[in-house]
Amino acid sequence: MRSLIACLMAAVLMMPAYGAMAAPPSAASQAQDREVLEKLNARWLKSYKSHDATALEEILADDFVGVYGQRALSKAELVAAASNRKRNVTDISWENLQIHLAGDTAVVTAISSLKGSQDGRDISARNQYADVYVRRDGRWVAIAAHVIRLDR
């Protein structure tokens, strides 16, 4: 996981610098960003249980791409999968939440545990994930996610 975070942060640092001449963010500003990102993380995960397509539409950027195992999903594909009423998530939780800030980019990592079923089969899983957010037009949106299943 550390190598994944290092690769993601390296990619972030190679991106063009927006506002390179701006002063570094204050501790208060970073604390606010962390609070917002924690809430977005919680809303995203809870949307799987509540089938809340609206939440995902707001959290995910239009150019979002998520890598889930062997599949890459677009925003539309993830929203459709999460809002599928045949998918019944009965419990979802997360632990070891970490937020890595780099200006207007952030990487959120954690381990999630999901319990549920779809079409009569168990879809319960324990996953480690890294979500990449950027601040666009003054708000944080997720542009990428990488999820690795831990319990196989």
C-alpha atoms as a PDB file:
ATOM      1  CA  MET A   1       0.000   0.000   0.000  1.00  0.00           C
ATOM      2  CA  ARG A   2       2.873   2.379   0.732  1.00  0.00           C
ATOM      3  CA  SER A   3       4.157   1.930  -2.813  1.00  0.00           C
ATOM      4  CA  LEU A   4       0.670   2.713  -4.160  1.00  0.00           C
ATOM      5  CA  ILE A   5       0.521   5.900  -2.080  1.00  0.00           C
ATOM      6  CA  ALA A   6       4.046   6.834  -3.174  1.00  0.00           C
ATOM      7  CA  CYS A   7       3.121   6.328  -6.844  1.00  0.00           C
ATOM      8  CA  LEU A   8      -0.097   8.337  -6.476  1.00  0.00           C
ATOM      9  CA  MET A   9       1.681  11.149  -4.661  1.00  0.00           C
ATOM     10  CA  ALA A  10       4.463  11.163  -7.281  1.00  0.00           C
ATOM     11  CA  ALA A  11       1.808  11.507  -9.991  1.00  0.00           C
ATOM     12  CA  VAL A  12       0.223  14.348  -8.051  1.00  0.00           C
ATOM     13  CA  LEU A  13       3.536  16.154  -7.724  1.00  0.00           C
ATOM     14  CA  MET A  14       4.201  15.837 -11.451  1.00  0.00           C
ATOM     15  CA  MET A  15       0.874  17.506 -12.286  1.00  0.00           C
ATOM     16  CA  PRO A  16       1.030  21.155 -13.359  1.00  0.00           C
ATOM     17  CA  ALA A  17       1.094  23.399 -10.309  1.00  0.00           C
ATOM     18  CA  TYR A  18      -2.083  25.426  -9.927  1.00  0.00           C
ATOM     19  CA  GLY A  19      -1.486  28.597  -8.012  1.00  0.00           C
ATOM     20  CA  ALA A  20       2.212  27.820  -7.609  1.00  0.00           C
ATOM     21  CA  MET A  21       2.813  31.346  -6.364  1.00  0.00           C
ATOM     22  CA  ALA A  22       0.156  31.086  -3.626  1.00  0.00           C
ATOM     23  CA  ALA A  23       1.140  30.851   0.011  1.00  0.00           C
ATOM     24  CA  PRO A  24       1.117  27.363   1.532  1.00  0.00           C
ATOM     25  CA  PRO A  25      -2.212  26.426   3.114  1.00  0.00           C
ATOM     26  CA  SER A  26      -2.611  27.254   6.790  1.00  0.00           C
ATOM     27  CA  ALA A  27      -3.068  24.596   9.463  1.00  0.00           C
ATOM     28  CA  ALA A  28      -6.700  25.746   9.846  1.00  0.00           C
ATOM     29  CA  SER A  29      -7.274  25.413   6.110  1.00  0.00           C
ATOM     30  CA  GLN A  30      -5.759  21.937   6.081  1.00  0.00           C
ATOM     31  CA  ALA A  31      -7.915  20.931   9.056  1.00  0.00           C
ATOM     32  CA  GLN A  32     -11.010  22.132   7.173  1.00  0.00           C
ATOM     33  CA  ASP A  33      -9.943  20.186   4.081  1.00  0.00           C
ATOM     34  CA  ARG A  34      -9.429  17.041   6.159  1.00  0.00           C
ATOM     35  CA  GLU A  35     -12.870  17.427   7.720  1.00  0.00           C
ATOM     36  CA  VAL A  36     -14.514  17.849   4.304  1.00  0.00           C
ATOM     37  CA  LEU A  37     -12.642  14.844   2.893  1.00  0.00           C
ATOM     38  CA  GLU A  38     -13.597  12.690   5.907  1.00  0.00           C
ATOM     39  CA  LYS A  39     -17.250  13.580   5.320  1.00  0.00           C
ATOM     40  CA  LEU A  40     -16.986  12.833   1.592  1.00  0.00           C
ATOM     41  CA  ASN A  41     -15.407   9.470   2.370  1.00  0.00           C
ATOM     42  CA  ALA A  42     -18.229   8.617   4.796  1.00  0.00           C
ATOM     43  CA  ARG A  43     -20.930   9.767   2.380  1.00  0.00           C
ATOM     44  CA  TRP A  44     -19.378   7.764  -0.485  1.00  0.00           C
ATOM     45  CA  LEU A  45     -19.216   4.534   1.517  1.00  0.00           C
ATOM     46  CA  LYS A  46     -22.669   4.974   3.064  1.00  0.00           C
ATOM     47  CA  SER A  47     -24.118   5.529  -0.423  1.00  0.00           C
ATOM     48  CA  TYR A  48     -23.485   1.838  -1.161  1.00  0.00           C
ATOM     49  CA  LYS A  49     -25.866   0.852   1.642  1.00  0.00           C
ATOM     50  CA  SER A  50     -28.506   3.495   0.858  1.00  0.00           C
ATOM     51  CA  HIS A  51     -28.284   3.229  -2.980  1.00  0.00           C
ATOM     52  CA  ASP A  52     -27.701   7.012  -2.995  1.00  0.00           C
ATOM     53  CA  ALA A  53     -26.879   7.777  -6.627  1.00  0.00           C
ATOM     54  CA  THR A  54     -27.163  11.518  -5.953  1.00  0.00           C
ATOM     55  CA  ALA A  55     -24.329  11.386  -3.415  1.00  0.00           C
ATOM     56  CA  LEU A  56     -22.035   9.627  -5.870  1.00  0.00           C
ATOM     57  CA  GLU A  57     -23.009  12.011  -8.678  1.00  0.00           C
ATOM     58  CA  GLU A  58     -21.865  14.889  -6.453  1.00  0.00           C
ATOM     59  CA  ILE A  59     -18.703  13.237  -5.081  1.00  0.00           C
ATOM     60  CA  LEU A  60     -17.306  11.751  -8.310  1.00  0.00           C
ATOM     61  CA  ALA A  61     -15.880  13.986 -11.041  1.00  0.00           C
ATOM     62  CA  ASP A  62     -17.272  13.442 -14.524  1.00  0.00           C
ATOM     63  CA  ASP A  63     -13.853  12.098 -15.584  1.00  0.00           C
ATOM     64  CA  PHE A  64     -13.626   9.711 -12.609  1.00  0.00           C
ATOM     65  CA  VAL A  65     -12.071   6.282 -13.113  1.00  0.00           C
ATOM     66  CA  GLY A  66     -12.011   3.573 -10.487  1.00  0.00           C
ATOM     67  CA  VAL A  67      -9.960   0.388 -10.552  1.00  0.00           C
ATOM     68  CA  TYR A  68     -11.778  -2.422  -8.776  1.00  0.00           C
ATOM     69  CA  GLY A  69      -9.855  -5.663  -9.046  1.00  0.00           C
ATOM     70  CA  GLN A  70      -9.441  -6.383 -12.742  1.00  0.00           C
ATOM     71  CA  ARG A  71     -12.022  -3.786 -13.862  1.00  0.00           C
ATOM     72  CA  ALA A  72     -11.858  -0.065 -14.498  1.00  0.00           C
ATOM     73  CA  LEU A  73     -15.177   1.711 -13.957  1.00  0.00           C
ATOM     74  CA  SER A  74     -16.312   5.131 -15.124  1.00  0.00           C
ATOM     75  CA  LYS A  75     -18.443   7.412 -12.986  1.00  0.00           C
ATOM     76  CA  ALA A  76     -21.609   6.228 -14.749  1.00  0.00           C
ATOM     77  CA  GLU A  77     -20.692   2.567 -14.236  1.00  0.00           C
ATOM     78  CA  LEU A  78     -19.937   3.003 -10.526  1.00  0.00           C
ATOM     79  CA  VAL A  79     -23.125   4.998  -9.927  1.00  0.00           C
ATOM     80  CA  ALA A  80     -25.169   2.311 -11.720  1.00  0.00           C
ATOM     81  CA  ALA A  81     -23.539  -0.503  -9.732  1.00  0.00           C
ATOM     82  CA  ALA A  82     -23.940   1.278  -6.379  1.00  0.00           C
ATOM     83  CA  SER A  83     -27.580   2.198  -6.996  1.00  0.00           C
ATOM     84  CA  ASN A  84     -28.531  -1.314  -8.192  1.00  0.00           C
ATOM     85  CA  ARG A  85     -31.421  -2.364  -5.918  1.00  0.00           C
ATOM     86  CA  LYS A  86     -30.490  -6.057  -6.387  1.00  0.00           C
ATOM     87  CA  ARG A  87     -27.344  -5.275  -4.418  1.00  0.00           C
ATOM     88  CA  ASN A  88     -28.135  -5.297  -0.701  1.00  0.00           C
ATOM     89  CA  VAL A  89     -25.398  -3.863   1.517  1.00  0.00           C
ATOM     90  CA  THR A  90     -26.377  -4.495   5.134  1.00  0.00           C
ATOM     91  CA  ASP A  91     -23.299  -3.008   6.796  1.00  0.00           C
ATOM     92  CA  ILE A  92     -20.293  -0.947   5.790  1.00  0.00           C
ATOM     93  CA  SER A  93     -17.497   0.425   7.946  1.00  0.00           C
ATOM     94  CA  TRP A  94     -13.947   1.694   7.561  1.00  0.00           C
ATOM     95  CA  GLU A  95     -10.789   1.971   9.626  1.00  0.00           C
ATOM     96  CA  ASN A  96      -7.263   3.371   9.410  1.00  0.00           C
ATOM     97  CA  LEU A  97      -8.464   6.426   7.500  1.00  0.00           C
ATOM     98  CA  GLN A  98      -5.552   8.602   6.362  1.00  0.00           C
ATOM     99  CA  ILE A  99      -5.679  11.800   4.348  1.00  0.00           C
ATOM    100  CA  HIS A 100      -2.603  12.921   2.430  1.00  0.00           C
ATOM    101  CA  LEU A 101      -2.863  16.551   1.274  1.00  0.00           C
ATOM    102  CA  ALA A 102      -0.799  18.146  -1.489  1.00  0.00           C
ATOM    103  CA  GLY A 103      -2.291  21.553  -2.233  1.00  0.00           C
ATOM    104  CA  ASP A 104      -5.484  21.080  -4.241  1.00  0.00           C
ATOM    105  CA  THR A 105      -4.988  17.308  -4.434  1.00  0.00           C
ATOM    106  CA  ALA A 106      -5.577  14.705  -1.756  1.00  0.00           C
ATOM    107  CA  VAL A 107      -5.227  10.946  -1.448  1.00  0.00           C
ATOM    108  CA  VAL A 108      -7.603   9.278   1.015  1.00  0.00           C
ATOM    109  CA  THR A 109      -6.712   5.759   2.126  1.00  0.00           C
ATOM    110  CA  ALA A 110      -8.477   3.325   4.434  1.00  0.00           C
ATOM    111  CA  ILE A 111      -9.662  -0.235   4.855  1.00  0.00           C
ATOM    112  CA  SER A 112     -13.373  -0.878   4.370  1.00  0.00           C
ATOM    113  CA  SER A 113     -15.509  -3.813   5.441  1.00  0.00           C
ATOM    114  CA  LEU A 114     -18.742  -4.468   3.598  1.00  0.00           C
ATOM    115  CA  LYS A 115     -21.425  -7.064   4.312  1.00  0.00           C
ATOM    116  CA  GLY A 116     -24.155  -7.832   1.826  1.00  0.00           C
ATOM    117  CA  SER A 117     -25.557  -9.902  -0.993  1.00  0.00           C
ATOM    118  CA  GLN A 118     -26.515  -9.594  -4.633  1.00  0.00           C
ATOM    119  CA  ASP A 119     -28.732 -12.038  -6.510  1.00  0.00           C
ATOM    120  CA  GLY A 120     -28.505 -14.458  -3.590  1.00  0.00           C
ATOM    121  CA  ARG A 121     -24.724 -14.555  -3.375  1.00  0.00           C
ATOM    122  CA  ASP A 122     -22.557 -13.121  -0.622  1.00  0.00           C
ATOM    123  CA  ILE A 123     -20.651  -9.985  -1.678  1.00  0.00           C
ATOM    124  CA  SER A 124     -19.090  -9.325   1.729  1.00  0.00           C
ATOM    125  CA  ALA A 125     -15.530  -8.053   1.426  1.00  0.00           C
ATOM    126  CA  ARG A 126     -12.669  -6.339   3.202  1.00  0.00           C
ATOM    127  CA  ASN A 127     -10.895  -3.865   0.921  1.00  0.00           C
ATOM    128  CA  GLN A 128      -8.002  -1.454   1.045  1.00  0.00           C
ATOM    129  CA  TYR A 129      -8.530   1.644  -1.047  1.00  0.00           C
ATOM    130  CA  ALA A 130      -6.926   4.854  -2.221  1.00  0.00           C
ATOM    131  CA  ASP A 131      -9.161   7.630  -3.529  1.00  0.00           C
ATOM    132  CA  VAL A 132      -7.685  10.662  -5.284  1.00  0.00           C
ATOM    133  CA  TYR A 133      -9.507  13.964  -4.899  1.00  0.00           C
ATOM    134  CA  VAL A 134      -8.851  17.339  -6.511  1.00  0.00           C
ATOM    135  CA  ARG A 135     -10.310  20.710  -5.660  1.00  0.00           C
ATOM    136  CA  ARG A 136     -12.232  22.012  -8.674  1.00  0.00           C
ATOM    137  CA  ASP A 137     -14.206  25.240  -8.621  1.00  0.00           C
ATOM    138  CA  GLY A 138     -13.720  25.416  -4.867  1.00  0.00           C
ATOM    139  CA  ARG A 139     -14.982  21.926  -3.998  1.00  0.00           C
ATOM    140  CA  TRP A 140     -13.379  18.512  -3.607  1.00  0.00           C
ATOM    141  CA  VAL A 141     -14.280  15.832  -6.181  1.00  0.00           C
ATOM    142  CA  ALA A 142     -12.923  12.314  -6.589  1.00  0.00           C
ATOM    143  CA  ILE A 143     -11.089  11.706  -9.863  1.00  0.00           C
ATOM    144  CA  ALA A 144      -9.748   8.197  -9.191  1.00  0.00           C
ATOM    145  CA  ALA A 145     -10.054   5.209  -6.901  1.00  0.00           C
ATOM    146  CA  HIS A 146      -8.018   2.034  -6.555  1.00  0.00           C
ATOM    147  CA  VAL A 147      -9.495  -0.799  -4.512  1.00  0.00           C
ATOM    148  CA  ILE A 148      -7.743  -4.023  -3.528  1.00  0.00           C
ATOM    149  CA  ARG A 149      -9.632  -6.904  -1.942  1.00  0.00           C
ATOM    150  CA  LEU A 150      -7.867  -8.141   1.189  1.00  0.00           C
ATOM    151  CA  ASP A 151      -9.860 -11.198   2.180  1.00  0.00           C
ATOM    152  CA  ARG A 152      -9.354 -13.617  -0.716  1.00  0.00           C
END
